[in-house]
Amino acid sequence: MLTSLFDSRHERLLKAIENNDLDKVVKHMSKLEPELLLTPGKDGRHPLEAALTAEESRILELLLHKAPRPLPSARCGTPLVCLALQHPDSLPRLTMLLQAGENPDLEHQGQPLLHLCVEYCDPGRLMLHLSRLLQQGADINRRNAEGMTLLQRLLPKGDQPLLQFLLQSGAECEAHWLEEMENRELATQLNRVLDDLRIRQLMMGG
């Protein structure tokens, strides 16, 4: 009788990923067809999704080197790069997926990745995640399903360093957004940032 898929090296790979056993992952992968990295196991998760939630991030890196493209979504239909944002140690996983070719402007349920960072990243991690996506070519002025840009969405939070970072990264700012801000001191500071950027552009002949 032929050994079933669920008793195969494929299933043993999934078990090794679950156990964060890097050595066994390497052993099973060496004899596994790349297409099986995209094949669901008993619980409906394929090895890439299992690796994404594993504690050992090196496992995901190994699988991404071998996995065929395009990368599949998770069993729930969520793109892996969106799922990565929900992991406690999200930045290295996000970075690996972007380097593996995931689209930095990908949208899920009407929200671009930059906007999803706002939903899933605490304030202490948010700027790092936004910076990584922008480095990979994400459009900072891409609007979400509600028609809002990232800057427009974050203005009410009043986080001056974050807002200044967005402006200096190329975020467009309509004059009435600042005029309508309740925090007039912050609005004045942001206007100064915009003035400095305009002067810099003029000096560079832009």
Protein backbone atom coordinates (compact mmCIF):
# COMPACT_ATOMS: atom_id res chain seq x y z
CA MET A 1 0.00 0.00 0.00
CA LEU A 2 1.28 3.43 -0.89
CA THR A 3 2.11 5.70 1.99
CA SER A 4 -0.44 8.49 2.17
CA LEU A 5 0.56 12.13 1.94
CA PHE A 6 -0.26 12.66 5.60
CA ASP A 7 2.20 9.92 6.65
CA SER A 8 4.87 11.22 4.29
CA ARG A 9 7.93 13.38 4.66
CA HIS A 10 5.64 16.33 3.90
CA GLU A 11 3.69 15.72 7.11
CA ARG A 12 6.89 15.10 9.05
CA LEU A 13 8.16 18.45 7.78
CA LEU A 14 5.04 20.14 9.14
CA LYS A 15 5.61 18.42 12.49
CA ALA A 16 9.22 19.59 12.59
CA ILE A 17 8.11 23.16 11.86
CA GLU A 18 5.54 22.95 14.64
CA ASN A 19 8.28 21.76 17.02
CA ASN A 20 10.69 24.49 15.88
CA ASP A 21 13.20 21.77 15.05
CA LEU A 22 15.46 23.47 12.53
CA ASP A 23 17.69 20.44 11.95
CA LYS A 24 14.77 18.18 11.07
CA VAL A 25 13.27 20.85 8.84
CA VAL A 26 16.52 20.95 6.86
CA LYS A 27 16.61 17.15 6.68
CA HIS A 28 13.03 16.78 5.39
CA MET A 29 13.29 19.68 2.97
CA SER A 30 16.31 18.19 1.24
CA LYS A 31 14.16 15.32 -0.06
CA LEU A 32 10.95 17.22 -0.65
CA GLU A 33 9.63 18.52 -3.97
CA PRO A 34 9.32 22.34 -3.84
CA GLU A 35 5.61 22.16 -4.81
CA LEU A 36 4.85 20.32 -1.55
CA LEU A 37 5.81 23.45 0.39
CA LEU A 38 2.54 24.88 -0.97
CA THR A 39 0.50 21.76 -0.18
CA PRO A 40 -1.81 21.83 2.88
CA GLY A 41 -1.37 19.30 5.64
CA LYS A 42 -3.98 17.69 7.89
CA ASP A 43 -4.94 20.95 9.56
CA GLY A 44 -5.23 22.82 6.25
CA ARG A 45 -2.01 24.77 6.68
CA HIS A 46 0.80 24.47 4.16
CA PRO A 47 4.42 24.48 5.38
CA LEU A 48 4.92 28.18 4.59
CA GLU A 49 2.00 29.20 6.79
CA ALA A 50 3.21 26.90 9.56
CA ALA A 51 6.69 28.41 9.28
CA LEU A 52 5.28 31.92 9.45
CA THR A 53 3.81 31.27 12.90
CA ALA A 54 6.80 29.26 14.19
CA GLU A 55 9.03 30.79 16.86
CA GLU A 56 12.17 30.08 14.82
CA SER A 57 12.11 32.65 11.99
CA ARG A 58 15.04 30.92 10.26
CA ILE A 59 12.62 28.15 9.26
CA LEU A 60 10.56 30.57 7.19
CA GLU A 61 13.70 31.89 5.54
CA LEU A 62 14.74 28.36 4.51
CA LEU A 63 11.34 27.53 3.05
CA LEU A 64 11.12 30.79 1.13
CA HIS A 65 14.40 30.01 -0.63
CA LYS A 66 12.93 26.80 -2.00
CA ALA A 67 9.20 27.53 -2.40
CA PRO A 68 7.80 28.14 -5.89
CA ARG A 69 6.28 31.50 -6.77
CA PRO A 70 3.73 32.96 -6.42
CA LEU A 71 3.39 32.33 -2.71
CA PRO A 72 -0.02 31.03 -1.59
CA SER A 73 -2.40 32.62 0.89
CA ALA A 74 -3.03 31.11 4.32
CA ARG A 75 -5.83 28.59 4.81
CA CYS A 76 -8.16 31.44 5.87
CA GLY A 77 -7.49 33.25 2.59
CA THR A 78 -5.31 35.94 4.16
CA PRO A 79 -2.10 36.72 2.24
CA LEU A 80 0.97 35.56 4.14
CA VAL A 81 2.46 39.05 4.22
CA CYS A 82 -0.68 40.31 6.02
CA LEU A 83 -0.54 37.40 8.43
CA ALA A 84 3.09 38.25 9.19
CA LEU A 85 2.03 41.63 10.57
CA GLN A 86 0.00 39.86 13.25
CA HIS A 87 2.97 37.89 14.60
CA PRO A 88 4.59 39.20 17.83
CA ASP A 89 7.96 39.21 16.05
CA SER A 90 6.56 40.59 12.81
CA LEU A 91 9.36 42.72 11.35
CA PRO A 92 11.78 39.94 10.31
CA ARG A 93 8.92 37.91 8.84
CA LEU A 94 7.59 40.89 6.92
CA THR A 95 11.11 41.58 5.64
CA MET A 96 11.62 38.00 4.44
CA LEU A 97 8.33 37.96 2.57
CA LEU A 98 9.02 41.31 0.90
CA GLN A 99 12.48 40.12 -0.13
CA ALA A 100 10.84 36.97 -1.49
CA GLY A 101 8.81 39.12 -3.87
CA GLU A 102 5.59 39.89 -2.01
CA ASN A 103 3.98 43.13 -3.21
CA PRO A 104 4.55 46.04 -0.75
CA ASP A 105 1.39 47.67 -2.17
CA LEU A 106 -0.75 44.57 -1.71
CA GLU A 107 -4.29 45.26 -0.49
CA HIS A 108 -6.38 43.01 1.73
CA GLN A 109 -10.04 43.75 2.40
CA GLY A 110 -9.62 47.28 1.07
CA GLN A 111 -6.58 48.10 3.19
CA PRO A 112 -3.06 48.50 1.74
CA LEU A 113 -0.24 46.99 3.76
CA LEU A 114 0.82 50.40 5.06
CA HIS A 115 -2.65 50.85 6.53
CA LEU A 116 -2.70 47.32 7.92
CA CYS A 117 0.46 48.18 9.86
CA VAL A 118 -1.59 50.78 11.74
CA GLU A 119 -4.09 48.09 12.70
CA TYR A 120 -1.61 45.42 13.79
CA CYS A 121 1.52 47.23 15.02
CA ASP A 122 1.73 48.94 18.38
CA PRO A 123 3.04 52.54 18.35
CA GLY A 124 6.54 51.46 19.32
CA ARG A 125 6.87 49.22 16.25
CA LEU A 126 4.79 51.10 13.72
CA MET A 127 7.42 53.41 12.24
CA LEU A 128 9.86 50.53 11.69
CA HIS A 129 7.25 48.56 9.76
CA LEU A 130 6.20 51.54 7.67
CA SER A 131 9.84 52.31 6.93
CA ARG A 132 10.48 48.74 5.77
CA LEU A 133 7.52 48.81 3.38
CA LEU A 134 8.53 52.21 2.01
CA GLN A 135 12.08 50.94 1.44
CA GLN A 136 10.56 48.16 -0.67
CA GLY A 137 8.59 50.64 -2.79
CA ALA A 138 5.19 50.95 -1.09
CA ASP A 139 3.17 53.99 -2.22
CA ILE A 140 2.88 56.24 0.83
CA ASN A 141 -0.07 58.09 -0.71
CA ARG A 142 -2.10 55.01 -1.61
CA ARG A 143 -5.65 55.41 -0.33
CA ASN A 144 -7.61 52.76 1.52
CA ALA A 145 -11.19 51.67 0.88
CA GLU A 146 -12.42 54.73 2.80
CA GLY A 147 -10.46 57.04 0.49
CA MET A 148 -7.94 58.08 3.14
CA THR A 149 -4.18 58.31 2.80
CA LEU A 150 -1.94 57.06 5.58
CA LEU A 151 -1.07 60.59 6.70
CA GLN A 152 -4.71 61.64 6.73
CA ARG A 153 -5.58 58.60 8.82
CA LEU A 154 -2.79 59.19 11.35
CA LEU A 155 -3.15 62.95 11.81
CA PRO A 156 -5.76 62.60 14.59
CA LYS A 157 -3.38 60.44 16.65
CA GLY A 158 -1.09 63.44 17.11
CA ASP A 159 2.17 61.49 17.02
CA GLN A 160 4.56 64.24 15.88
CA PRO A 161 7.65 62.08 15.16
CA LEU A 162 5.55 59.65 13.13
CA LEU A 163 3.75 62.39 11.19
CA GLN A 164 7.03 64.18 10.52
CA PHE A 165 8.51 60.90 9.28
CA LEU A 166 5.62 60.47 6.85
CA LEU A 167 5.97 64.00 5.50
CA GLN A 168 9.71 63.59 5.05
CA SER A 169 9.06 60.27 3.29
CA GLY A 170 6.91 61.95 0.64
CA ALA A 171 3.41 61.92 2.10
CA GLU A 172 1.21 64.50 0.40
CA CYS A 173 -0.60 66.84 2.76
CA GLU A 174 -3.60 68.92 1.77
CA ALA A 175 -3.69 72.34 3.43
CA HIS A 176 -7.17 71.91 4.90
CA TRP A 177 -6.09 68.76 6.80
CA LEU A 178 -3.80 70.88 8.96
CA GLU A 179 -6.25 73.77 9.12
CA GLU A 180 -8.88 71.44 10.60
CA MET A 181 -6.61 70.01 13.31
CA GLU A 182 -7.65 70.73 16.90
CA ASN A 183 -4.04 70.63 18.07
CA ARG A 184 -2.91 73.95 16.63
CA GLU A 185 0.61 73.66 18.03
CA LEU A 186 1.11 70.36 16.20
CA ALA A 187 -0.40 71.81 13.03
CA THR A 188 2.11 74.68 13.20
CA GLN A 189 5.00 72.26 13.68
CA LEU A 190 3.92 70.17 10.71
CA ASN A 191 3.58 73.29 8.56
CA ARG A 192 7.18 74.11 9.45
CA VAL A 193 8.24 70.64 8.32
CA LEU A 194 6.44 71.22 5.00
CA ASP A 195 8.08 74.63 4.61
CA ASP A 196 11.51 73.10 5.25
CA LEU A 197 10.83 70.43 2.63
CA ARG A 198 9.77 73.04 0.07
CA ILE A 199 12.92 75.09 0.72
CA ARG A 200 15.06 71.98 0.37
CA GLN A 201 13.42 71.15 -2.95
CA LEU A 202 14.01 74.67 -4.22
CA MET A 203 17.67 74.53 -3.22
CA MET A 204 18.02 71.23 -5.07
CA GLY A 205 16.34 72.71 -8.13
CA GLY A 206 13.24 70.52 -7.75
